[in-house]
PDB file of N, CA and C in Angstrom:
ATOM      1  N   MET A   1     255.746 161.912 156.794  1.00  0.00           N
ATOM      2  CA  MET A   1     254.809 161.856 157.453  1.00  0.00           C
ATOM      3  C   MET A   1     254.059 162.468 156.703  1.00  0.00           C
ATOM      4  N   ARG A   2     252.811 162.426 156.219  1.00  0.00           N
ATOM      5  CA  ARG A   2     251.989 163.143 155.356  1.00  0.00           C
ATOM      6  C   ARG A   2     250.825 163.917 156.509  1.00  0.00           C
ATOM      7  N   VAL A   3     250.572 165.054 156.471  1.00  0.00           N
ATOM      8  CA  VAL A   3     249.420 166.207 157.171  1.00  0.00           C
ATOM      9  C   VAL A   3     248.306 165.756 156.532  1.00  0.00           C
ATOM     10  N   GLN A   4     246.966 165.362 156.585  1.00  0.00           N
ATOM     11  CA  GLN A   4     245.986 165.612 156.179  1.00  0.00           C
ATOM     12  C   GLN A   4     245.535 166.704 156.348  1.00  0.00           C
ATOM     13  N   GLU A   5     244.862 167.956 155.255  1.00  0.00           N
ATOM     14  CA  GLU A   5     244.282 168.646 155.633  1.00  0.00           C
ATOM     15  C   GLU A   5     242.853 169.107 156.006  1.00  0.00           C
ATOM     16  N   ALA A   6     242.238 169.392 156.662  1.00  0.00           N
ATOM     17  CA  ALA A   6     240.608 169.375 157.105  1.00  0.00           C
ATOM     18  C   ALA A   6     239.920 170.100 156.074  1.00  0.00           C
ATOM     19  N   SER A   7     238.725 169.411 155.586  1.00  0.00           N
ATOM     20  CA  SER A   7     237.837 170.141 154.837  1.00  0.00           C
ATOM     21  C   SER A   7     236.734 170.171 154.923  1.00  0.00           C
ATOM     22  N   TRP A   8     236.074 171.021 154.223  1.00  0.00           N
ATOM     23  CA  TRP A   8     234.576 171.185 154.449  1.00  0.00           C
ATOM     24  C   TRP A   8     233.303 170.488 153.889  1.00  0.00           C
ATOM     25  N   ARG A   9     234.355 169.449 153.110  1.00  0.00           N
ATOM     26  CA  ARG A   9     233.432 168.777 152.370  1.00  0.00           C
ATOM     27  C   ARG A   9     232.955 167.279 153.300  1.00  0.00           C
ATOM     28  N   CYS A  10     233.715 167.347 154.266  1.00  0.00           N
ATOM     29  CA  CYS A  10     232.929 166.135 155.358  1.00  0.00           C
ATOM     30  C   CYS A  10     231.866 166.407 155.914  1.00  0.00           C
ATOM     31  N   CYS A  11     231.553 167.857 155.991  1.00  0.00           N
ATOM     32  CA  CYS A  11     230.232 168.473 156.083  1.00  0.00           C
ATOM     33  C   CYS A  11     229.023 168.490 155.758  1.00  0.00           C
ATOM     34  N   ILE A  12     228.869 167.926 154.554  1.00  0.00           N
ATOM     35  CA  ILE A  12     227.879 168.589 153.481  1.00  0.00           C
ATOM     36  C   ILE A  12     227.165 167.305 153.801  1.00  0.00           C
ATOM     37  N   PRO A  13     227.384 165.871 154.199  1.00  0.00           N
ATOM     38  CA  PRO A  13     226.035 165.116 154.354  1.00  0.00           C
ATOM     39  C   PRO A  13     225.282 165.841 155.333  1.00  0.00           C
ATOM     40  N   ALA A  14     225.940 165.746 156.817  1.00  0.00           N
ATOM     41  CA  ALA A  14     225.316 166.418 158.126  1.00  0.00           C
ATOM     42  C   ALA A  14     224.655 167.624 157.543  1.00  0.00           C
ATOM     43  N   ALA A  15     225.213 168.925 156.803  1.00  0.00           N
ATOM     44  CA  ALA A  15     224.317 169.892 156.758  1.00  0.00           C
ATOM     45  C   ALA A  15     223.006 169.597 155.866  1.00  0.00           C
ATOM     46  N   ILE A  16     223.290 168.464 154.756  1.00  0.00           N
ATOM     47  CA  ILE A  16     222.112 168.111 153.875  1.00  0.00           C
ATOM     48  C   ILE A  16     221.155 167.558 155.130  1.00  0.00           C
ATOM     49  N   LEU A  17     221.192 166.817 155.842  1.00  0.00           N
ATOM     50  CA  LEU A  17     220.263 165.748 156.592  1.00  0.00           C
ATOM     51  C   LEU A  17     219.716 167.171 157.465  1.00  0.00           C
ATOM     52  N   ALA A  18     220.820 167.910 157.839  1.00  0.00           N
ATOM     53  CA  ALA A  18     219.690 169.219 158.939  1.00  0.00           C
ATOM     54  C   ALA A  18     218.795 170.025 158.225  1.00  0.00           C
ATOM     55  N   VAL A  19     219.289 170.096 156.744  1.00  0.00           N
ATOM     56  CA  VAL A  19     218.509 171.170 156.013  1.00  0.00           C
ATOM     57  C   VAL A  19     217.145 170.546 155.849  1.00  0.00           C
ATOM     58  N   PHE A  20     216.858 169.291 155.444  1.00  0.00           N
ATOM     59  CA  PHE A  20     215.658 168.235 155.528  1.00  0.00           C
ATOM     60  C   PHE A  20     215.215 168.088 156.340  1.00  0.00           C
ATOM     61  N   GLY A  21     215.934 168.032 157.806  1.00  0.00           N
ATOM     62  CA  GLY A  21     215.202 167.769 158.895  1.00  0.00           C
ATOM     63  C   GLY A  21     214.341 169.064 159.323  1.00  0.00           C
ATOM     64  N   LEU A  22     214.949 170.243 159.194  1.00  0.00           N
ATOM     65  CA  LEU A  22     214.263 171.516 159.909  1.00  0.00           C
ATOM     66  C   LEU A  22     213.053 171.752 158.892  1.00  0.00           C
ATOM     67  N   GLY A  23     213.149 171.393 157.626  1.00  0.00           N
ATOM     68  CA  GLY A  23     212.342 171.620 156.430  1.00  0.00           C
ATOM     69  C   GLY A  23     211.116 170.822 156.677  1.00  0.00           C
ATOM     70  N   ALA A  24     211.123 169.403 157.331  1.00  0.00           N
ATOM     71  CA  ALA A  24     210.458 168.909 157.578  1.00  0.00           C
ATOM     72  C   ALA A  24     209.389 169.317 158.642  1.00  0.00           C
ATOM     73  N   VAL A  25     210.290 169.709 159.812  1.00  0.00           N
ATOM     74  CA  VAL A  25     209.597 169.959 161.054  1.00  0.00           C
ATOM     75  C   VAL A  25     208.669 171.385 160.870  1.00  0.00           C
ATOM     76  N   ALA A  26     209.441 172.387 160.155  1.00  0.00           N
ATOM     77  CA  ALA A  26     209.113 173.666 159.563  1.00  0.00           C
ATOM     78  C   ALA A  26     207.597 173.028 158.736  1.00  0.00           C
ATOM     79  N   LEU A  27     207.399 172.353 157.629  1.00  0.00           N
ATOM     80  CA  LEU A  27     206.365 172.000 156.933  1.00  0.00           C
ATOM     81  C   LEU A  27     205.184 171.476 158.001  1.00  0.00           C
ATOM     82  N   VAL A  28     205.651 170.559 159.154  1.00  0.00           N
ATOM     83  CA  VAL A  28     204.453 170.042 159.814  1.00  0.00           C
ATOM     84  C   VAL A  28     203.911 171.321 160.784  1.00  0.00           C
ATOM     85  N   ARG A  29     204.662 172.238 161.290  1.00  0.00           N
ATOM     86  CA  ARG A  29     204.637 173.105 161.947  1.00  0.00           C
ATOM     87  C   ARG A  29     203.656 174.462 161.533  1.00  0.00           C
ATOM     88  N   VAL A  30     203.453 174.467 159.715  1.00  0.00           N
ATOM     89  CA  VAL A  30     202.682 175.673 159.388  1.00  0.00           C
ATOM     90  C   VAL A  30     201.502 175.161 158.852  1.00  0.00           C
ATOM     91  N   LEU A  31     201.713 173.713 158.285  1.00  0.00           N
ATOM     92  CA  LEU A  31     200.207 173.305 157.795  1.00  0.00           C
ATOM     93  C   LEU A  31     199.176 173.082 158.547  1.00  0.00           C
ATOM     94  N   PRO A  32     198.139 173.175 158.088  1.00  0.00           N
ATOM     95  CA  PRO A  32     197.194 172.915 159.069  1.00  0.00           C
ATOM     96  C   PRO A  32     196.595 171.580 159.128  1.00  0.00           C
ATOM     97  N   GLN A  33     196.250 171.194 160.120  1.00  0.00           N
ATOM     98  CA  GLN A  33     195.910 169.626 160.476  1.00  0.00           C
ATOM     99  C   GLN A  33     194.368 169.703 160.259  1.00  0.00           C
ATOM    100  N   THR A  34     194.186 168.413 159.606  1.00  0.00           N
ATOM    101  CA  THR A  34     192.829 168.072 159.487  1.00  0.00           C
ATOM    102  C   THR A  34     192.032 167.567 160.581  1.00  0.00           C
ATOM    103  N   GLY A  35     190.843 168.035 160.331  1.00  0.00           N
ATOM    104  CA  GLY A  35     190.043 167.830 161.441  1.00  0.00           C
ATOM    105  C   GLY A  35     189.899 168.586 162.884  1.00  0.00           C
ATOM    106  N   ALA A  36     190.712 169.689 162.894  1.00  0.00           N
ATOM    107  CA  ALA A  36     190.710 170.445 164.064  1.00  0.00           C
ATOM    108  C   ALA A  36     190.396 171.570 163.725  1.00  0.00           C
ATOM    109  N   ALA A  37     189.481 172.185 164.521  1.00  0.00           N
ATOM    110  CA  ALA A  37     188.951 173.936 164.311  1.00  0.00           C
ATOM    111  C   ALA A  37     190.003 174.719 165.162  1.00  0.00           C
ATOM    112  N   GLU A  38     190.999 175.277 164.411  1.00  0.00           N
ATOM    113  CA  GLU A  38     191.833 176.106 164.261  1.00  0.00           C
ATOM    114  C   GLU A  38     192.120 177.286 163.867  1.00  0.00           C
ATOM    115  N   PRO A  39     192.440 178.708 163.770  1.00  0.00           N
ATOM    116  CA  PRO A  39     192.434 179.573 163.064  1.00  0.00           C
ATOM    117  C   PRO A  39     193.667 179.407 162.044  1.00  0.00           C
ATOM    118  N   VAL A  40     193.182 179.823 160.903  1.00  0.00           N
ATOM    119  CA  VAL A  40     194.414 179.781 159.605  1.00  0.00           C
ATOM    120  C   VAL A  40     194.393 181.042 158.840  1.00  0.00           C
ATOM    121  N   ALA A  41     195.742 181.566 158.622  1.00  0.00           N
ATOM    122  CA  ALA A  41     195.699 182.478 157.576  1.00  0.00           C
ATOM    123  C   ALA A  41     195.488 181.791 156.136  1.00  0.00           C
ATOM    124  N   VAL A  42     194.764 183.203 155.626  1.00  0.00           N
ATOM    125  CA  VAL A  42     194.528 182.740 153.958  1.00  0.00           C
ATOM    126  C   VAL A  42     194.910 183.573 153.411  1.00  0.00           C
ATOM    127  N   PHE A  43     195.859 183.355 152.242  1.00  0.00           N
ATOM    128  CA  PHE A  43     196.603 184.038 151.296  1.00  0.00           C
ATOM    129  C   PHE A  43     195.841 183.696 150.055  1.00  0.00           C
ATOM    130  N   ALA A  44     195.195 184.627 149.089  1.00  0.00           N
ATOM    131  CA  ALA A  44     194.471 184.734 147.698  1.00  0.00           C
ATOM    132  C   ALA A  44     195.391 185.443 147.076  1.00  0.00           C
ATOM    133  N   LEU A  45     196.502 185.016 146.371  1.00  0.00           N
ATOM    134  CA  LEU A  45     197.054 186.184 145.393  1.00  0.00           C
ATOM    135  C   LEU A  45     196.667 186.589 144.225  1.00  0.00           C
ATOM    136  N   GLU A  46     195.764 185.339 143.311  1.00  0.00           N
ATOM    137  CA  GLU A  46     194.969 185.839 142.298  1.00  0.00           C
ATOM    138  C   GLU A  46     193.723 186.375 142.503  1.00  0.00           C
ATOM    139  N   GLY A  47     192.945 185.893 143.598  1.00  0.00           N
ATOM    140  CA  GLY A  47     191.531 186.091 144.075  1.00  0.00           C
ATOM    141  C   GLY A  47     191.803 187.143 145.198  1.00  0.00           C
ATOM    142  N   ASP A  48     190.541 186.849 146.121  1.00  0.00           N
ATOM    143  CA  ASP A  48     190.104 187.896 147.239  1.00  0.00           C
ATOM    144  C   ASP A  48     190.064 186.720 148.587  1.00  0.00           C
ATOM    145  N   ALA A  49     190.963 186.958 149.371  1.00  0.00           N
ATOM    146  CA  ALA A  49     190.782 186.003 150.610  1.00  0.00           C
ATOM    147  C   ALA A  49     189.526 185.660 151.334  1.00  0.00           C
ATOM    148  N   LEU A  50     188.984 186.820 151.442  1.00  0.00           N
ATOM    149  CA  LEU A  50     187.769 187.369 152.027  1.00  0.00           C
ATOM    150  C   LEU A  50     186.780 186.410 151.498  1.00  0.00           C
ATOM    151  N   ALA A  51     186.711 186.500 150.161  1.00  0.00           N
ATOM    152  CA  ALA A  51     185.807 185.589 149.157  1.00  0.00           C
ATOM    153  C   ALA A  51     186.012 183.988 149.135  1.00  0.00           C
ATOM    154  N   SER A  52     187.304 183.857 149.216  1.00  0.00           N
ATOM    155  CA  SER A  52     187.305 182.177 149.615  1.00  0.00           C
ATOM    156  C   SER A  52     186.988 181.895 150.933  1.00  0.00           C
ATOM    157  N   VAL A  53     187.066 182.433 152.165  1.00  0.00           N
ATOM    158  CA  VAL A  53     186.727 182.317 153.567  1.00  0.00           C
ATOM    159  C   VAL A  53     185.381 181.882 153.449  1.00  0.00           C
ATOM    160  N   ILE A  54     184.453 183.321 152.865  1.00  0.00           N
ATOM    161  CA  ILE A  54     182.583 183.487 152.849  1.00  0.00           C
ATOM    162  C   ILE A  54     182.668 181.878 151.972  1.00  0.00           C
ATOM    163  N   ALA A  55     182.928 181.489 151.238  1.00  0.00           N
ATOM    164  CA  ALA A  55     182.795 180.230 149.724  1.00  0.00           C
ATOM    165  C   ALA A  55     183.069 179.154 150.907  1.00  0.00           C
ATOM    166  N   ALA A  56     183.940 179.045 151.592  1.00  0.00           N
ATOM    167  CA  ALA A  56     184.297 177.651 152.359  1.00  0.00           C
ATOM    168  C   ALA A  56     183.307 177.562 153.554  1.00  0.00           C
ATOM    169  N   GLY A  57     182.675 178.407 153.722  1.00  0.00           N
ATOM    170  CA  GLY A  57     181.780 178.625 154.947  1.00  0.00           C
ATOM    171  C   GLY A  57     182.663 178.700 156.498  1.00  0.00           C
ATOM    172  N   GLY A  58     183.515 179.568 156.490  1.00  0.00           N
ATOM    173  CA  GLY A  58     184.443 179.952 157.725  1.00  0.00           C
ATOM    174  C   GLY A  58     183.837 181.180 158.032  1.00  0.00           C
ATOM    175  N   ARG A  59     184.358 181.414 159.135  1.00  0.00           N
ATOM    176  CA  ARG A  59     184.472 182.980 159.852  1.00  0.00           C
ATOM    177  C   ARG A  59     185.786 183.353 160.152  1.00  0.00           C
ATOM    178  N   ILE A  60     185.786 185.070 160.147  1.00  0.00           N
ATOM    179  CA  ILE A  60     186.554 185.580 159.792  1.00  0.00           C
ATOM    180  C   ILE A  60     187.290 186.129 161.341  1.00  0.00           C
ATOM    181  N   LEU A  61     188.563 186.041 161.583  1.00  0.00           N
ATOM    182  CA  LEU A  61     188.747 186.880 162.948  1.00  0.00           C
ATOM    183  C   LEU A  61     189.390 188.082 162.894  1.00  0.00           C
ATOM    184  N   SER A  62     190.176 188.127 161.998  1.00  0.00           N
ATOM    185  CA  SER A  62     190.979 189.413 161.656  1.00  0.00           C
ATOM    186  C   SER A  62     191.409 189.511 160.326  1.00  0.00           C
ATOM    187  N   PRO A  63     191.953 190.738 160.287  1.00  0.00           N
ATOM    188  CA  PRO A  63     192.908 190.832 159.059  1.00  0.00           C
ATOM    189  C   PRO A  63     194.075 190.074 159.252  1.00  0.00           C
ATOM    190  N   GLY A  64     194.714 189.820 158.095  1.00  0.00           N
ATOM    191  CA  GLY A  64     196.150 189.358 158.382  1.00  0.00           C
ATOM    192  C   GLY A  64     197.541 190.082 158.276  1.00  0.00           C
ATOM    193  N   GLY A  65     198.400 189.852 158.550  1.00  0.00           N
ATOM    194  CA  GLY A  65     199.293 190.994 158.725  1.00  0.00           C
ATOM    195  C   GLY A  65     200.292 191.255 157.423  1.00  0.00           C
ATOM    196  N   VAL A  66     199.835 190.528 156.334  1.00  0.00           N
ATOM    197  CA  VAL A  66     200.475 190.738 155.115  1.00  0.00           C
ATOM    198  C   VAL A  66     198.940 191.447 154.355  1.00  0.00           C
ATOM    199  N   PRO A  67     199.116 192.072 153.292  1.00  0.00           N
ATOM    200  CA  PRO A  67     198.022 192.545 152.620  1.00  0.00           C
ATOM    201  C   PRO A  67     197.513 191.390 151.842  1.00  0.00           C
ATOM    202  N   GLY A  68     195.929 191.518 151.790  1.00  0.00           N
ATOM    203  CA  GLY A  68     195.397 190.495 150.970  1.00  0.00           C
ATOM    204  C   GLY A  68     195.337 189.151 151.395  1.00  0.00           C
ATOM    205  N   SER A  69     195.402 188.901 153.328  1.00  0.00           N
ATOM    206  CA  SER A  69     195.313 187.782 153.985  1.00  0.00           C
ATOM    207  C   SER A  69     194.186 188.223 154.807  1.00  0.00           C
ATOM    208  N   ILE A  70     193.786 186.952 155.571  1.00  0.00           N
ATOM    209  CA  ILE A  70     192.740 187.253 156.420  1.00  0.00           C
ATOM    210  C   ILE A  70     193.036 185.831 157.241  1.00  0.00           C
ATOM    211  N   ILE A  71     193.048 186.019 158.815  1.00  0.00           N
ATOM    212  CA  ILE A  71     192.829 185.244 159.438  1.00  0.00           C
ATOM    213  C   ILE A  71     191.379 184.460 159.608  1.00  0.00           C
ATOM    214  N   ALA A  72     191.165 183.402 159.626  1.00  0.00           N
ATOM    215  CA  ALA A  72     190.094 182.707 159.700  1.00  0.00           C
ATOM    216  C   ALA A  72     189.693 181.624 160.498  1.00  0.00           C
ATOM    217  N   ILE A  73     188.748 181.292 160.531  1.00  0.00           N
ATOM    218  CA  ILE A  73     188.349 179.430 161.087  1.00  0.00           C
ATOM    219  C   ILE A  73     187.101 179.519 160.823  1.00  0.00           C
ATOM    220  N   GLY A  74     186.943 177.701 160.734  1.00  0.00           N
ATOM    221  CA  GLY A  74     186.122 176.923 160.027  1.00  0.00           C
ATOM    222  C   GLY A  74     185.771 175.705 160.836  1.00  0.00           C
ATOM    223  N   ASP A  75     184.376 175.407 160.828  1.00  0.00           N
ATOM    224  CA  ASP A  75     183.739 173.878 161.614  1.00  0.00           C
ATOM    225  C   ASP A  75     184.293 172.659 160.950  1.00  0.00           C
ATOM    226  N   ALA A  76     184.486 172.935 159.391  1.00  0.00           N
ATOM    227  CA  ALA A  76     184.182 171.529 158.615  1.00  0.00           C
ATOM    228  C   ALA A  76     185.601 170.861 159.051  1.00  0.00           C
ATOM    229  N   PRO A  77     185.876 169.654 159.233  1.00  0.00           N
ATOM    230  CA  PRO A  77     186.994 168.974 158.966  1.00  0.00           C
ATOM    231  C   PRO A  77     188.225 169.246 158.125  1.00  0.00           C
ATOM    232  N   ASP A  78     187.598 169.936 157.185  1.00  0.00           N
ATOM    233  CA  ASP A  78     188.126 170.138 155.374  1.00  0.00           C
ATOM    234  C   ASP A  78     188.162 171.195 155.346  1.00  0.00           C
ATOM    235  N   PHE A  79     188.215 171.897 156.264  1.00  0.00           N
ATOM    236  CA  PHE A  79     188.133 173.720 155.514  1.00  0.00           C
ATOM    237  C   PHE A  79     189.546 174.032 154.807  1.00  0.00           C
ATOM    238  N   ALA A  80     190.321 173.774 155.203  1.00  0.00           N
ATOM    239  CA  ALA A  80     191.753 173.953 154.603  1.00  0.00           C
ATOM    240  C   ALA A  80     191.683 173.431 153.129  1.00  0.00           C
ATOM    241  N   ALA A  81     190.999 172.568 152.710  1.00  0.00           N
ATOM    242  CA  ALA A  81     190.703 171.852 151.611  1.00  0.00           C
ATOM    243  C   ALA A  81     189.511 172.687 150.670  1.00  0.00           C
ATOM    244  N   GLN A  82     188.694 173.247 151.589  1.00  0.00           N
ATOM    245  CA  GLN A  82     187.619 173.973 151.117  1.00  0.00           C
ATOM    246  C   GLN A  82     188.225 175.296 150.696  1.00  0.00           C
ATOM    247  N   LEU A  83     188.941 175.477 151.334  1.00  0.00           N
ATOM    248  CA  LEU A  83     189.957 177.100 151.222  1.00  0.00           C
ATOM    249  C   LEU A  83     190.386 177.397 149.688  1.00  0.00           C
ATOM    250  N   TYR A  84     191.283 175.909 149.501  1.00  0.00           N
ATOM    251  CA  TYR A  84     191.910 175.965 148.417  1.00  0.00           C
ATOM    252  C   TYR A  84     190.753 175.570 147.252  1.00  0.00           C
ATOM    253  N   ALA A  85     190.015 175.163 147.540  1.00  0.00           N
ATOM    254  CA  ALA A  85     188.753 175.086 146.189  1.00  0.00           C
ATOM    255  C   ALA A  85     188.029 176.178 146.023  1.00  0.00           C
ATOM    256  N   ALA A  86     187.934 177.312 146.944  1.00  0.00           N
ATOM    257  CA  ALA A  86     187.545 178.316 146.596  1.00  0.00           C
ATOM    258  C   ALA A  86     187.868 179.520 146.358  1.00  0.00           C
ATOM    259  N   GLY A  87     189.490 179.055 146.092  1.00  0.00           N
ATOM    260  CA  GLY A  87     190.334 179.932 145.446  1.00  0.00           C
ATOM    261  C   GLY A  87     191.377 180.284 146.234  1.00  0.00           C
ATOM    262  N   ALA A  88     191.724 179.949 147.440  1.00  0.00           N
ATOM    263  CA  ALA A  88     192.969 180.418 148.120  1.00  0.00           C
ATOM    264  C   ALA A  88     194.359 179.898 147.856  1.00  0.00           C
ATOM    265  N   THR A  89     195.320 180.671 147.911  1.00  0.00           N
ATOM    266  CA  THR A  89     196.635 180.167 146.939  1.00  0.00           C
ATOM    267  C   THR A  89     197.466 179.782 148.027  1.00  0.00           C
ATOM    268  N   LEU A  90     197.316 179.989 149.254  1.00  0.00           N
ATOM    269  CA  LEU A  90     198.165 179.281 150.428  1.00  0.00           C
ATOM    270  C   LEU A  90     197.087 179.176 151.820  1.00  0.00           C
ATOM    271  N   VAL A  91     197.225 178.498 152.749  1.00  0.00           N
ATOM    272  CA  VAL A  91     196.960 178.194 153.958  1.00  0.00           C
ATOM    273  C   VAL A  91     197.607 177.976 154.658  1.00  0.00           C
ATOM    274  N   LEU A  92     197.726 178.426 156.439  1.00  0.00           N
ATOM    275  CA  LEU A  92     198.700 178.107 156.841  1.00  0.00           C
ATOM    276  C   LEU A  92     198.273 178.168 158.281  1.00  0.00           C
ATOM    277  N   ARG A  93     198.459 177.853 159.191  1.00  0.00           N
ATOM    278  CA  ARG A  93     198.238 177.856 160.576  1.00  0.00           C
ATOM    279  C   ARG A  93     198.762 178.880 161.103  1.00  0.00           C
ATOM    280  N   ALA A  94     197.492 179.443 162.083  1.00  0.00           N
ATOM    281  CA  ALA A  94     197.813 180.829 162.398  1.00  0.00           C
ATOM    282  C   ALA A  94     197.586 181.028 164.127  1.00  0.00           C
ATOM    283  N   ASP A  95     197.396 179.731 164.767  1.00  0.00           N
ATOM    284  CA  ASP A  95     196.793 179.723 166.162  1.00  0.00           C
ATOM    285  C   ASP A  95     197.905 180.378 166.915  1.00  0.00           C
ATOM    286  N   SER A  96     199.580 179.999 166.430  1.00  0.00           N
ATOM    287  CA  SER A  96     200.373 180.886 167.235  1.00  0.00           C
ATOM    288  C   SER A  96     200.995 182.435 166.691  1.00  0.00           C
ATOM    289  N   ALA A  97     200.170 182.724 165.821  1.00  0.00           N
ATOM    290  CA  ALA A  97     200.473 184.103 165.505  1.00  0.00           C
ATOM    291  C   ALA A  97     199.226 184.732 166.039  1.00  0.00           C
ATOM    292  N   MET A  98     198.290 184.212 166.262  1.00  0.00           N
ATOM    293  CA  MET A  98     196.888 184.666 167.275  1.00  0.00           C
ATOM    294  C   MET A  98     197.418 185.326 168.248  1.00  0.00           C
ATOM    295  N   GLY A  99     198.532 184.241 168.925  1.00  0.00           N
ATOM    296  CA  GLY A  99     198.842 184.962 170.300  1.00  0.00           C
ATOM    297  C   GLY A  99     197.738 184.398 171.502  1.00  0.00           C
ATOM    298  N   CYS A 100     197.593 185.809 172.402  1.00  0.00           N
ATOM    299  CA  CYS A 100     196.782 186.054 173.132  1.00  0.00           C
ATOM    300  C   CYS A 100     195.657 186.466 172.739  1.00  0.00           C
ATOM    301  N   ALA A 101     195.738 187.176 171.555  1.00  0.00           N
ATOM    302  CA  ALA A 101     194.804 187.914 171.280  1.00  0.00           C
ATOM    303  C   ALA A 101     193.737 187.134 170.649  1.00  0.00           C
ATOM    304  N   SER A 102     193.712 186.069 170.403  1.00  0.00           N
ATOM    305  CA  SER A 102     192.711 184.879 169.850  1.00  0.00           C
ATOM    306  C   SER A 102     191.712 184.924 170.412  1.00  0.00           C
ATOM    307  N   ILE A 103     190.410 184.017 170.124  1.00  0.00           N
ATOM    308  CA  ILE A 103     189.058 184.158 170.550  1.00  0.00           C
ATOM    309  C   ILE A 103     189.020 184.582 172.008  1.00  0.00           C
ATOM    310  N   PRO A 104     188.241 185.884 172.382  1.00  0.00           N
ATOM    311  CA  PRO A 104     188.164 185.952 173.640  1.00  0.00           C
ATOM    312  C   PRO A 104     186.914 185.054 174.450  1.00  0.00           C
ATOM    313  N   ALA A 105     187.176 184.551 175.772  1.00  0.00           N
ATOM    314  CA  ALA A 105     186.350 183.992 176.388  1.00  0.00           C
ATOM    315  C   ALA A 105     184.966 184.446 176.914  1.00  0.00           C
ATOM    316  N   VAL A 106     184.150 183.940 176.790  1.00  0.00           N
ATOM    317  CA  VAL A 106     182.917 184.437 176.909  1.00  0.00           C
ATOM    318  C   VAL A 106     182.431 184.051 178.484  1.00  0.00           C
ATOM    319  N   ARG A 107     182.045 184.846 179.254  1.00  0.00           N
ATOM    320  CA  ARG A 107     181.801 184.422 180.538  1.00  0.00           C
ATOM    321  C   ARG A 107     180.345 184.037 180.285  1.00  0.00           C
ATOM    322  N   THR A 108     179.788 182.810 181.198  1.00  0.00           N
ATOM    323  CA  THR A 108     178.062 182.372 181.091  1.00  0.00           C
ATOM    324  C   THR A 108     177.792 182.796 182.796  1.00  0.00           C
ATOM    325  N   LYS A 109     176.644 182.734 182.879  1.00  0.00           N
ATOM    326  CA  LYS A 109     176.132 182.992 183.915  1.00  0.00           C
ATOM    327  C   LYS A 109     175.911 181.447 184.756  1.00  0.00           C
ATOM    328  N   SER A 110     176.166 181.390 185.817  1.00  0.00           N
ATOM    329  CA  SER A 110     176.168 180.141 186.772  1.00  0.00           C
ATOM    330  C   SER A 110     174.868 180.329 187.600  1.00  0.00           C
TER     331      SER A 110
END
């Protein structure tokens, strides 16, 4: 009777599938959605993130957590594309990064 040893090679397809699946979920989670006015983190390695936000017609919410980054929001549906055209290196969603410190509610008189 021959005993077959267990090998880690049988797990390679499952590991590859898991890596690609988690990568796809992470990619969808961090890329900004088209048409939504949501906060984005703007990174400009070769230029100025502030200048990119101003050129794209956005508003600055706060400085980013990384040097050279800005948290901004824009009203245009293609705000992320405008940021890339204005010189931004990377644009990521920042709505979860803002947490409870996002845009404060303004009370109006009734």
